[in-house]
Protein backbone atom coordinates (compact mmCIF):
# COMPACT_ATOMS: atom_id res chain seq x y z
CA MET A 1 0.00 0.00 0.00
CA GLU A 2 1.24 3.47 -0.75
CA VAL A 3 -0.39 4.89 2.37
CA ASP A 4 1.44 4.49 5.64
CA LEU A 5 0.84 1.53 7.91
CA TYR A 6 2.03 1.32 11.49
CA ARG A 7 5.34 -0.53 11.65
CA ILE A 8 5.78 -3.36 14.15
CA VAL A 9 9.15 -3.60 15.92
CA SER A 10 10.80 -5.50 18.73
CA VAL A 11 12.17 -3.70 21.78
CA GLU A 12 15.71 -4.38 20.60
CA GLN A 13 14.97 -2.93 17.18
CA MET A 14 13.40 0.17 18.75
CA ARG A 15 16.53 0.74 20.81
CA ALA A 16 18.68 0.34 17.70
CA LEU A 17 16.53 2.86 15.83
CA GLU A 18 16.80 5.43 18.61
CA LYS A 19 20.53 4.89 18.97
CA GLU A 20 21.13 5.27 15.24
CA ALA A 21 18.91 8.36 15.09
CA ASP A 22 20.79 9.90 18.02
CA SER A 23 24.12 9.26 16.29
CA GLY A 24 22.71 10.95 13.19
CA GLY A 25 21.78 14.15 15.02
CA LEU A 26 18.28 13.53 16.37
CA SER A 27 19.02 13.54 20.09
CA PHE A 28 17.32 11.35 22.66
CA ALA A 29 16.04 14.53 24.32
CA GLN A 30 14.48 15.72 21.06
CA MET A 31 12.90 12.31 20.47
CA MET A 32 11.32 12.56 23.93
CA GLN A 33 9.96 16.01 23.11
CA ASN A 34 8.58 14.71 19.82
CA ALA A 35 6.99 11.73 21.58
CA GLY A 36 5.37 13.67 24.41
CA ASN A 37 4.19 16.54 22.22
CA GLY A 38 2.85 14.11 19.64
CA ALA A 39 0.89 12.22 22.28
CA GLY A 40 -0.40 15.47 23.74
CA PHE A 41 -1.49 16.61 20.28
CA GLN A 42 -3.46 13.40 19.65
CA ILE A 43 -5.14 13.58 23.06
CA ASP A 44 -6.06 17.25 22.73
CA LYS A 45 -7.36 16.78 19.19
CA LYS A 46 -9.62 13.96 20.32
CA PHE A 47 -11.00 15.56 23.47
CA LYS A 48 -10.62 19.33 23.06
CA ASP A 49 -14.39 19.85 22.79
CA LEU A 50 -15.11 18.37 26.21
CA ASP A 51 -16.23 20.87 28.83
CA ARG A 52 -14.04 19.28 31.48
CA ARG A 53 -10.55 18.01 30.74
CA SER A 54 -8.86 16.98 33.95
CA MET A 55 -5.90 14.59 33.73
CA LEU A 56 -3.75 12.88 36.32
CA GLY A 57 -0.44 11.70 34.93
CA LEU A 58 1.37 8.80 36.60
CA VAL A 59 5.04 9.60 35.98
CA GLY A 60 7.68 6.90 36.23
CA ALA A 61 11.40 7.36 36.67
CA GLY A 62 12.46 6.44 33.14
CA ASN A 63 11.94 7.69 29.60
CA ASN A 64 8.27 6.75 29.71
CA GLY A 65 7.85 9.14 32.62
CA GLY A 66 9.69 11.79 30.63
CA ASP A 67 7.27 11.34 27.74
CA ALA A 68 4.41 11.75 30.22
CA LEU A 69 5.78 15.02 31.61
CA VAL A 70 6.18 16.44 28.11
CA ALA A 71 2.62 15.40 27.24
CA LEU A 72 1.25 16.91 30.46
CA THR A 73 3.09 20.16 29.72
CA TYR A 74 1.62 20.24 26.22
CA LEU A 75 -1.90 19.74 27.56
CA GLN A 76 -1.48 22.17 30.47
CA LYS A 77 -0.59 24.88 27.95
CA ARG A 78 -3.85 24.15 26.13
CA ALA A 79 -6.20 24.73 29.03
CA TRP A 80 -6.23 21.21 30.42
CA GLU A 81 -6.19 20.82 34.19
CA THR A 82 -3.27 18.46 34.79
CA ARG A 83 -1.50 17.01 37.81
CA ALA A 84 1.62 14.85 37.79
CA TYR A 85 2.01 12.06 40.34
CA LEU A 86 5.67 11.05 40.55
CA ILE A 87 6.23 7.36 41.22
CA LYS A 88 9.84 8.22 42.02
CA ASP A 89 10.77 11.73 43.08
CA ARG A 90 12.39 13.94 40.45
CA ASP A 91 14.55 16.91 41.32
CA GLU A 92 12.84 20.24 40.67
CA THR A 93 15.93 21.25 38.70
CA ASP A 94 15.02 18.53 36.16
CA ALA A 95 14.36 20.43 32.91
CA LEU A 96 11.14 18.54 32.23
CA VAL A 97 9.84 19.22 35.73
CA LYS A 98 10.79 22.90 35.52
CA GLU A 99 8.95 23.36 32.24
CA TYR A 100 5.88 21.60 33.58
CA LEU A 101 5.79 23.72 36.74
CA ALA A 102 6.41 26.91 34.76
CA CYS A 103 3.16 26.48 32.81
CA GLY A 104 1.07 25.90 35.92
CA GLY A 105 1.39 22.15 36.40
CA ILE A 106 1.17 20.69 39.90
CA LEU A 107 3.39 17.90 41.25
CA PHE A 108 2.57 15.19 43.77
CA ALA A 109 4.86 12.37 44.87
CA PHE A 110 4.42 8.78 45.98
CA ASP A 111 6.96 9.06 48.80
CA LYS A 112 4.92 11.87 50.39
CA ASP A 113 1.56 10.14 49.97
CA GLU A 114 0.63 8.11 53.03
CA ASN A 115 -1.59 5.12 52.23
CA PHE A 116 -2.28 6.46 48.72
CA LEU A 117 -4.86 8.90 50.08
CA GLN A 118 -3.65 11.70 47.81
CA MET A 119 -3.49 9.53 44.69
CA GLU A 120 -7.00 8.20 45.28
CA GLU A 121 -8.38 11.71 45.67
CA LEU A 122 -6.61 12.89 42.52
CA ILE A 123 -8.01 9.97 40.55
CA ARG A 124 -11.52 10.69 41.78
CA GLU A 125 -11.15 14.31 40.67
CA SER A 126 -9.86 13.42 37.17
CA ASN A 127 -11.68 12.19 34.10
CA PHE A 128 -8.44 11.06 32.41
CA LEU A 129 -5.51 9.00 33.63
CA LEU A 130 -2.19 9.12 31.75
CA ASP A 131 -0.05 6.02 32.24
CA GLY A 132 3.64 6.89 32.06
CA VAL A 133 4.87 4.52 34.76
CA LEU A 134 6.73 1.80 32.85
CA GLY A 135 7.86 1.56 29.25
CA THR A 136 9.45 -0.90 26.86
CA GLY A 137 12.33 -1.75 29.20
CA LEU A 138 10.09 -3.68 31.58
CA HIS A 139 11.07 -7.21 32.59
CA LEU A 140 8.47 -9.24 34.44
CA PRO A 141 7.66 -9.89 37.20
CA LEU A 142 6.97 -6.40 38.48
CA GLN A 143 9.05 -5.25 41.40
CA GLY A 144 9.54 -2.31 43.74
CA THR A 145 7.52 0.88 43.88
CA ALA A 146 5.91 0.40 40.48
CA LYS A 147 4.46 -2.95 41.59
CA ILE A 148 3.06 -1.39 44.77
CA VAL A 149 1.44 1.46 42.84
CA LEU A 150 -0.03 -0.73 40.10
CA GLN A 151 -1.41 -3.24 42.60
CA HIS A 152 -3.12 -0.42 44.48
CA LEU A 153 -4.59 0.96 41.25
CA LYS A 154 -5.98 -2.46 40.41
CA GLY A 155 -7.61 -2.64 43.82
CA MET A 156 -9.38 0.67 43.25
CA GLY A 157 -11.70 -0.85 40.67
CA GLU A 158 -12.79 1.20 37.66
CA LEU A 159 -10.38 4.00 36.74
CA PRO A 160 -10.93 7.11 34.61
CA PHE A 161 -10.43 6.89 30.84
CA THR A 162 -6.85 5.61 30.72
CA ILE A 163 -4.29 6.50 28.07
CA ALA A 164 -1.03 4.54 28.07
CA LEU A 165 2.15 5.95 26.55
CA ASP A 166 3.97 3.42 24.35
CA CYS A 167 2.51 0.48 26.30
CA PRO A 168 0.31 -0.21 29.30
CA SER A 169 2.47 -0.45 32.41
CA GLY A 170 2.98 -4.05 33.45
CA VAL A 171 3.03 -5.46 29.90
CA ASP A 172 6.11 -7.02 28.30
CA CYS A 173 6.47 -5.32 24.91
CA ASP A 174 8.27 -8.26 23.34
CA SER A 175 6.64 -11.41 24.66
CA GLY A 176 3.14 -10.07 25.21
CA GLU A 177 3.07 -11.33 28.79
CA ALA A 178 1.25 -9.19 31.33
CA ASP A 179 1.50 -8.91 35.09
CA ASP A 180 -1.71 -9.41 37.06
CA ALA A 181 -1.43 -5.77 38.15
CA ALA A 182 -0.92 -4.37 34.63
CA ILE A 183 -2.87 -1.22 33.81
CA ARG A 184 -5.77 -1.82 31.45
CA ALA A 185 -5.75 1.11 29.01
CA ASN A 186 -8.58 2.44 26.88
CA TRP A 187 -6.08 3.85 24.41
CA THR A 188 -2.39 3.15 23.87
CA ILE A 189 -0.31 5.73 22.01
CA CYS A 190 2.86 4.06 20.70
CA MET A 191 6.02 5.98 19.90
CA ALA A 192 7.31 5.57 16.32
CA ALA A 193 6.02 2.00 15.93
CA VAL A 194 3.83 -0.63 17.55
CA LYS A 195 5.83 -2.90 19.82
CA GLN A 196 5.37 -6.51 18.80
CA GLY A 197 4.25 -7.75 22.22
CA LEU A 198 1.19 -5.50 22.16
CA LEU A 199 -0.17 -7.61 19.29
CA ARG A 200 0.05 -10.80 21.29
CA PHE A 201 -2.07 -12.21 24.06
CA PRO A 202 -2.64 -11.51 26.88
CA ALA A 203 -1.06 -8.06 26.31
CA PHE A 204 -3.58 -7.07 23.63
CA GLU A 205 -6.36 -7.29 26.20
CA TYR A 206 -4.74 -4.34 28.04
CA VAL A 207 -4.07 -2.12 25.02
CA GLY A 208 -7.46 -0.67 24.06
CA ASP A 209 -7.39 1.38 20.87
CA LEU A 210 -4.00 1.83 19.18
CA SER A 211 -2.37 4.83 17.55
CA VAL A 212 1.21 5.80 16.75
CA VAL A 213 3.10 9.07 17.17
CA ASP A 214 5.67 9.98 14.52
CA ILE A 215 8.78 11.01 16.48
CA ASN A 216 10.58 11.96 13.26
CA LEU A 217 12.87 8.95 12.95
CA PRO A 218 14.48 9.13 9.50
CA PRO A 219 12.98 6.53 7.13
CA ASP A 220 16.42 5.52 5.83
CA LEU A 221 17.81 4.29 9.16
CA ARG A 222 19.61 0.98 8.72
CA ALA A 223 17.78 -0.41 11.74
CA TRP A 224 14.54 -0.36 9.74
CA ASN A 225 16.00 -2.96 7.36
CA GLY A 226 14.48 -6.39 7.67
CA SER A 227 11.33 -5.03 9.26
CA ASN A 228 8.43 -5.88 7.01
CA ASP A 229 5.72 -6.37 9.61
CA PHE A 230 2.96 -3.79 9.83
CA CYS A 231 -0.17 -3.06 11.81
CA MET A 232 -3.30 -2.07 9.89
CA GLU A 233 -4.29 1.56 10.30
CA VAL A 234 -7.56 3.27 9.50
CA SER A 235 -6.16 5.72 6.94
CA ALA A 236 -4.80 2.79 4.93
CA VAL A 237 -8.38 1.57 4.61
CA ALA A 238 -10.01 4.94 3.99
CA GLU A 239 -7.51 6.03 1.34
CA LYS A 240 -7.78 2.77 -0.61
CA LEU A 241 -11.57 2.54 -0.78
CA PRO A 242 -12.68 2.70 -4.43
CA LYS A 243 -14.13 6.05 -5.44
CA ARG A 244 -17.81 6.24 -6.39
CA PRO A 245 -18.00 8.64 -9.36
CA TRP A 246 -21.35 10.24 -10.12
CA GLN A 247 -21.39 8.93 -13.69
CA ALA A 248 -20.78 5.33 -12.58
CA HIS A 249 -22.92 2.34 -13.57
CA LYS A 250 -22.95 -1.14 -12.08
CA GLY A 251 -20.23 -2.26 -14.46
CA THR A 252 -17.93 0.39 -13.00
CA PHE A 253 -17.74 -1.60 -9.78
CA GLY A 254 -17.28 -5.04 -11.28
CA THR A 255 -18.96 -8.42 -11.10
CA ALA A 256 -18.25 -10.74 -8.18
CA LEU A 257 -18.94 -14.40 -8.95
CA LEU A 258 -19.44 -16.60 -5.91
CA PHE A 259 -19.43 -20.40 -5.93
CA ALA A 260 -21.12 -20.84 -2.57
CA GLY A 261 -23.84 -22.72 -0.74
CA SER A 262 -25.25 -26.25 -0.77
CA ARG A 263 -28.29 -28.09 0.57
CA ASP A 264 -26.80 -28.18 4.06
CA TYR A 265 -25.38 -24.64 4.01
CA PRO A 266 -27.62 -22.34 1.96
CA GLY A 267 -26.92 -19.39 4.24
CA ALA A 268 -23.26 -19.26 3.20
CA ALA A 269 -24.26 -18.04 -0.26
CA TYR A 270 -26.47 -15.33 1.20
CA LEU A 271 -23.91 -14.08 3.73
CA ALA A 272 -20.98 -14.02 1.30
CA GLY A 273 -23.06 -12.52 -1.52
CA LYS A 274 -24.59 -9.82 0.64
CA ALA A 275 -21.14 -8.95 2.03
CA ALA A 276 -19.76 -8.62 -1.51
CA TYR A 277 -22.51 -6.14 -2.34
CA LEU A 278 -21.99 -4.22 0.91
CA ALA A 279 -18.27 -3.99 0.12
CA GLY A 280 -19.20 -2.16 -3.08
CA ALA A 281 -19.38 -4.72 -5.90
CA GLY A 282 -21.60 -3.58 -8.76
CA LEU A 283 -23.13 -6.99 -9.40
CA VAL A 284 -23.02 -10.21 -7.40
CA LYS A 285 -23.70 -13.49 -9.19
CA LEU A 286 -24.24 -16.64 -7.14
CA ALA A 287 -23.20 -19.90 -8.82
CA THR A 288 -25.08 -22.45 -6.76
CA ILE A 289 -27.83 -25.07 -6.85
CA PRO A 290 -31.60 -24.48 -7.21
CA GLU A 291 -32.26 -25.47 -3.58
CA VAL A 292 -30.07 -22.60 -2.40
CA GLN A 293 -31.82 -20.18 -4.74
CA HIS A 294 -35.21 -21.27 -3.38
CA ALA A 295 -34.03 -20.81 0.20
CA VAL A 296 -32.30 -17.47 -0.28
CA ALA A 297 -33.86 -15.55 -3.18
CA GLY A 298 -36.71 -14.08 -1.16
CA ALA A 299 -34.31 -12.44 1.27
CA PHE A 300 -31.75 -11.56 -1.41
CA PRO A 301 -33.51 -10.07 -4.46
CA GLU A 302 -30.34 -8.24 -5.55
CA ALA A 303 -28.53 -11.48 -6.39
CA VAL A 304 -28.11 -12.74 -9.96
CA TRP A 305 -28.14 -16.52 -10.28
CA CYS A 306 -26.07 -19.07 -12.17
CA LEU A 307 -27.67 -22.42 -11.34
CA LEU A 308 -25.53 -25.54 -11.08
CA LYS A 309 -26.55 -29.18 -11.06
CA THR A 310 -25.95 -31.49 -8.16
CA ASP A 311 -26.59 -35.02 -6.96
CA GLU A 312 -26.17 -36.86 -3.67
CA ASP A 313 -22.40 -36.68 -4.04
CA GLY A 314 -22.22 -32.94 -4.68
CA PHE A 315 -21.90 -30.66 -7.70
CA THR A 316 -21.74 -32.04 -11.22
CA TRP A 317 -19.95 -30.46 -14.18
CA ASP A 318 -22.79 -30.42 -16.70
CA ASP A 319 -23.12 -27.16 -18.55
CA ALA A 320 -19.43 -26.42 -18.92
CA ILE A 321 -19.73 -24.03 -21.85
CA SER A 322 -22.17 -21.62 -20.17
CA LEU A 323 -20.11 -21.78 -16.98
CA GLN A 324 -17.00 -20.82 -18.92
CA GLU A 325 -18.80 -17.74 -20.23
CA THR A 326 -19.87 -16.86 -16.68
CA LEU A 327 -16.28 -17.18 -15.51
CA ARG A 328 -15.05 -14.89 -18.28
CA GLN A 329 -17.56 -12.21 -17.28
CA ALA A 330 -16.42 -12.14 -13.65
CA SER A 331 -14.15 -9.45 -12.24
CA SER A 332 -13.42 -11.54 -9.13
CA ILE A 333 -14.33 -15.05 -8.01
CA LEU A 334 -14.95 -16.73 -4.66
CA VAL A 335 -14.84 -20.50 -4.32
CA GLY A 336 -15.92 -22.65 -1.41
CA PRO A 337 -18.22 -21.18 1.29
CA GLY A 338 -20.81 -23.74 2.34
CA TRP A 339 -19.95 -26.30 -0.33
CA GLY A 340 -19.63 -29.48 1.67
CA LYS A 341 -17.35 -32.35 0.66
CA GLY A 342 -19.23 -34.67 -1.71
CA THR A 343 -17.22 -36.87 -4.10
CA ASN A 344 -18.57 -35.09 -7.17
CA THR A 345 -17.86 -31.74 -5.54
CA ALA A 346 -14.16 -32.66 -5.47
CA VAL A 347 -14.30 -33.55 -9.18
CA PHE A 348 -16.18 -30.32 -9.91
CA PHE A 349 -13.58 -28.36 -7.95
CA LYS A 350 -10.69 -29.79 -9.98
CA ARG A 351 -12.45 -28.97 -13.28
CA LEU A 352 -13.27 -25.49 -12.02
CA PHE A 353 -9.71 -24.97 -10.82
CA ASP A 354 -8.32 -25.82 -14.26
CA GLU A 355 -10.75 -23.41 -15.93
CA LEU A 356 -9.93 -20.69 -13.43
CA LYS A 357 -6.20 -20.98 -14.05
CA GLU A 358 -6.67 -20.35 -17.75
CA ILE A 359 -9.26 -17.58 -17.44
CA VAL A 360 -7.54 -15.74 -14.60
CA GLN A 361 -4.26 -15.85 -16.49
CA LYS A 362 -5.90 -14.22 -19.52
CA LYS A 363 -8.14 -11.75 -17.72
CA GLN A 364 -6.32 -11.15 -14.42
CA SER A 365 -9.49 -11.78 -12.40
CA GLY A 366 -8.81 -12.21 -8.69
CA ILE A 367 -9.86 -15.42 -6.97
CA VAL A 368 -10.53 -16.17 -3.29
CA PHE A 369 -10.51 -19.69 -1.83
CA ASP A 370 -12.44 -20.07 1.42
CA ALA A 371 -13.92 -22.78 3.64
CA ASP A 372 -14.51 -25.98 1.63
CA GLY A 373 -12.48 -24.51 -1.21
CA LEU A 374 -9.53 -24.66 1.18
CA ASN A 375 -10.43 -28.14 2.40
CA LEU A 376 -10.49 -29.39 -1.19
CA LEU A 377 -7.10 -27.79 -1.81
CA SER A 378 -5.74 -29.59 1.26
CA GLU A 379 -6.90 -32.89 -0.27
CA LYS A 380 -5.06 -32.05 -3.52
CA PRO A 381 -1.91 -30.33 -2.20
CA ASP A 382 -0.25 -30.25 -5.62
CA LEU A 383 -2.80 -27.61 -6.63
CA LEU A 384 -1.34 -25.25 -4.03
CA ASN A 385 1.69 -24.92 -6.30
CA GLU A 386 -0.55 -24.04 -9.27
CA LEU A 387 -2.67 -21.27 -7.75
CA PRO A 388 -3.58 -18.50 -10.20
CA ALA A 389 -1.68 -15.26 -9.73
CA GLY A 390 -3.25 -12.98 -7.15
CA SER A 391 -5.12 -15.76 -5.36
CA VAL A 392 -6.26 -15.21 -1.77
CA LEU A 393 -6.55 -18.04 0.76
CA THR A 394 -8.55 -17.35 3.94
CA PRO A 395 -7.90 -20.22 6.39
CA HIS A 396 -8.75 -20.31 10.06
CA PRO A 397 -6.09 -22.13 12.15
CA GLY A 398 -7.71 -25.55 11.66
CA GLU A 399 -7.83 -25.12 7.89
CA MET A 400 -4.25 -23.83 7.91
CA ALA A 401 -3.21 -26.98 9.77
CA ARG A 402 -4.83 -29.14 7.09
CA LEU A 403 -3.23 -27.12 4.29
CA THR A 404 0.28 -27.18 5.78
CA GLY A 405 0.38 -30.36 7.85
CA LEU A 406 1.59 -28.30 10.81
CA PRO A 407 0.15 -28.69 14.32
CA MET A 408 -2.44 -26.03 15.07
CA GLU A 409 -0.60 -25.11 18.28
CA HIS A 410 2.54 -24.33 16.27
CA ILE A 411 0.53 -22.19 13.86
CA GLN A 412 -1.07 -20.20 16.67
CA GLN A 413 2.27 -19.62 18.38
CA ASN A 414 3.87 -18.45 15.12
CA ARG A 415 1.02 -16.78 13.26
CA LYS A 416 3.00 -14.09 11.43
CA ALA A 417 5.87 -16.39 10.49
CA THR A 418 3.56 -19.19 9.32
CA ALA A 419 1.37 -16.94 7.19
CA SER A 420 4.43 -15.32 5.62
CA GLU A 421 6.20 -18.62 4.92
CA TYR A 422 3.26 -20.13 3.07
CA ALA A 423 2.31 -16.94 1.24
CA LYS A 424 5.74 -17.12 -0.34
CA LYS A 425 5.62 -20.89 -0.84
CA TRP A 426 2.20 -20.80 -2.55
CA ASN A 427 2.73 -17.42 -4.25
CA ALA A 428 -0.61 -16.27 -2.86
CA VAL A 429 -2.06 -13.93 -0.28
CA VAL A 430 -2.71 -15.80 2.97
CA VAL A 431 -5.25 -14.43 5.45
CA LEU A 432 -4.79 -16.39 8.68
CA LYS A 433 -8.03 -15.67 10.48
CA GLY A 434 -8.62 -15.44 14.20
CA ALA A 435 -8.05 -12.91 16.94
CA LEU A 436 -5.49 -10.49 15.46
CA THR A 437 -5.90 -11.77 11.90
CA VAL A 438 -2.66 -11.87 9.91
CA ALA A 439 -2.45 -11.12 6.18
CA ALA A 440 0.73 -12.01 4.29
CA ASP A 441 1.72 -11.64 0.66
CA PRO A 442 4.43 -13.35 -1.41
CA SER A 443 6.68 -10.28 -1.28
CA ASP A 444 7.30 -10.89 2.45
CA LYS A 445 4.97 -8.16 3.73
CA VAL A 446 2.89 -9.05 6.77
CA VAL A 447 0.01 -6.98 8.15
CA VAL A 448 -1.62 -7.64 11.52
CA ILE A 449 -5.24 -6.54 11.95
CA PRO A 450 -5.46 -5.10 15.50
CA VAL A 451 -8.95 -6.41 16.19
CA ALA A 452 -10.09 -9.21 18.47
CA THR A 453 -13.64 -9.82 19.59
CA PRO A 454 -15.53 -13.02 20.46
CA ALA A 455 -18.45 -11.53 18.53
CA LEU A 456 -16.75 -12.78 15.35
CA ALA A 457 -16.50 -16.35 16.67
CA ARG A 458 -19.77 -17.35 15.06
CA ALA A 459 -20.87 -19.52 12.13
CA GLY A 460 -21.06 -17.44 8.96
CA SER A 461 -18.56 -14.81 10.05
CA GLY A 462 -15.90 -16.20 7.71
CA ASP A 463 -18.36 -16.23 4.80
CA ILE A 464 -18.85 -12.51 5.33
CA LEU A 465 -15.11 -11.82 5.32
CA ALA A 466 -14.60 -13.82 2.12
CA GLY A 467 -17.48 -11.95 0.49
CA MET A 468 -16.04 -8.59 1.48
CA ILE A 469 -12.65 -9.50 0.01
CA VAL A 470 -14.13 -10.63 -3.31
CA GLY A 471 -16.39 -7.55 -3.37
CA LEU A 472 -13.41 -5.22 -3.06
CA MET A 473 -11.44 -7.19 -5.64
CA ALA A 474 -14.35 -6.89 -8.08
CA GLN A 475 -13.82 -3.13 -7.97
CA GLY A 476 -10.17 -3.45 -8.93
CA VAL A 477 -8.59 -3.41 -5.48
CA ALA A 478 -5.41 -5.52 -5.50
CA SER A 479 -5.61 -8.88 -3.73
CA PHE A 480 -3.43 -8.03 -0.74
CA ASP A 481 -4.97 -4.61 -0.24
CA ALA A 482 -8.47 -6.10 -0.47
CA ALA A 483 -7.59 -8.78 2.08
CA CYS A 484 -6.16 -6.29 4.58
CA MET A 485 -8.96 -3.77 4.14
CA ALA A 486 -11.73 -6.36 4.35
CA ALA A 487 -10.22 -7.99 7.43
CA TRP A 488 -10.04 -4.62 9.20
CA MET A 489 -13.59 -3.61 8.22
CA HIS A 490 -14.92 -7.06 9.11
CA GLY A 491 -13.34 -6.76 12.56
CA GLU A 492 -14.75 -3.29 13.11
CA ALA A 493 -18.19 -4.50 12.01
CA GLY A 494 -17.95 -7.24 14.63
CA LYS A 495 -17.09 -4.71 17.32
CA LEU A 496 -19.94 -2.41 16.27
CA ALA A 497 -22.38 -5.33 16.27
CA GLU A 498 -21.23 -6.30 19.75
CA ARG A 499 -21.83 -2.77 21.03
CA SER A 500 -25.22 -2.59 19.37
CA ILE A 501 -26.42 -5.98 20.64
CA GLY A 502 -24.88 -5.56 24.08
CA HIS A 503 -23.12 -8.92 24.47
CA PRO A 504 -20.83 -10.88 22.13
CA ALA A 505 -22.67 -14.14 22.81
CA CYS A 506 -25.77 -12.73 21.15
CA VAL A 507 -24.13 -11.47 17.94
CA LEU A 508 -25.11 -13.47 14.85
CA ALA A 509 -23.57 -13.30 11.39
CA GLY A 510 -26.52 -11.24 10.20
CA ASP A 511 -25.73 -8.63 12.85
CA ILE A 512 -22.20 -8.33 11.47
CA LEU A 513 -23.64 -7.81 7.98
CA GLN A 514 -25.90 -5.05 9.27
CA ALA A 515 -22.92 -3.25 10.82
CA ILE A 516 -20.90 -3.05 7.58
CA PRO A 517 -22.66 0.11 6.32
CA GLN A 518 -21.82 1.85 9.60
CA VAL A 519 -18.14 0.99 9.10
CA PHE A 520 -18.24 2.62 5.66
CA ARG A 521 -20.12 5.60 7.06
CA GLU A 522 -17.58 6.18 9.80
CA LEU A 523 -14.69 5.77 7.36
CA LYS A 524 -16.33 8.46 5.20
CA THR A 525 -16.92 10.87 8.09
CA GLY A 526 -13.49 10.28 9.61
CA CYS A 527 -14.80 9.00 12.94
CA PHE A 528 -12.32 6.12 13.03
CA ARG A 529 -9.43 8.56 12.46
CA LYS A 530 -10.32 10.24 15.73
CA ALA A 531 -9.71 6.98 17.59
CA PRO A 532 -10.64 5.91 20.12
CA CYS A 533 -14.07 6.37 18.60
CA HIS A 534 -16.39 4.03 20.42
CA SER A 535 -15.17 3.58 23.97
CA SER A 536 -18.05 3.67 26.40
CA LYS A 537 -15.73 5.28 28.94
CA ILE A 538 -15.06 8.49 27.04
CA PRO A 539 -16.05 11.19 29.58
């Protein structure tokens, strides 16, 4: 993607970047100013219209505490009411302390606060809490004063809207481990890049919404080399959405052809087809059997139908000539949702695969393999080496295990590496679904989708994602871009559905479908760019 994505780095790589930048003339002190001012800018931009903006900053002894003091100074100068609570006393001759005090900031200190009475009162008086206690240098388990403070905070129950700088205190930024007393943030503002541990569990449960501050690290630093892992960011979605010109017609936005549904799974065709339309495809054609049409057509009048023949053993390849014409007319193709595994279906799949190779090669139509399309590929592994250019595979961990022969536990422990390895091996885009979905392309780029919600753990959810991908591809969006964008929007739709319904256990696939238009609406209005957009704790 031409638009920026958030980079993902290890703690060691971040240190190397800062050291190299310092050697090149961007001092550590200036990086701290850039970090704190950048965080302050994001916070003020998001909340400047609130009538009351009262923030307590928890200031640690290290660089994270320095970032917090700079951010508090920035906000104090912009009519915020701020107080700094020092976890470890800082000398008033400290330049950061002096600047904060000079603009009207007020200091409090842990070592002068008997039984946390002062801290508790300050928290009650504030509607924001800034976490600058511990940064990327943390090694678990927690020890010393920081442990005492964090344990007391945990015992206080619900805290004000909490913003963590670089990482929530108590989280290991490499391994993703988290102390029991770790601060649970509503919003984490990372400096320069997202630290890899924040996109692992259990750490991700403490992160809240994610954003990144540009601290002006030069893009040509050697320490960036070898880093090809990224975190999806809202502007990368918004900027890549196909334009909708006034003079457009349905052909402008392409034809998505979906081979989906069977007697046992008619809903898969509906969910995937509807999602393709909601993602913007101009026309959605469902290649399926008459029983699916009878079950679905009343609820899906927008669909165009290409009826296939079937018997007890699955699909049959009868009217090959008309099907070839249908394939040639398609801008993008989806194969597999709700197919089942009949013997004839496997034969049909092989014939279809051979036709697709030839047609895609001539026309450059994109193709997505999902669900039983993936299961059939796993039964004919040689076909994985013959995938048409630009193919997208959308396995969940179980399907990935069948495709690769790897244990599912290994896949889950090495999600980025596994997706990347097989994207290159199969010369295809691999979307490894699950909490924190990973998309990888053959060029070695990996994008993590920073979304996890149990609302998406529901039958039909994957059909919707596959439909969204093929719908974007029908409009000319490149395979990898379509996969990343659809995975992000699908995740956000799941979160919106969860908020609307009230509990993730009650979210059905249809609720996710209904939330897709709201995702597009908020991308258009820029709501997501003002993240965190939906937290129920925003004062």
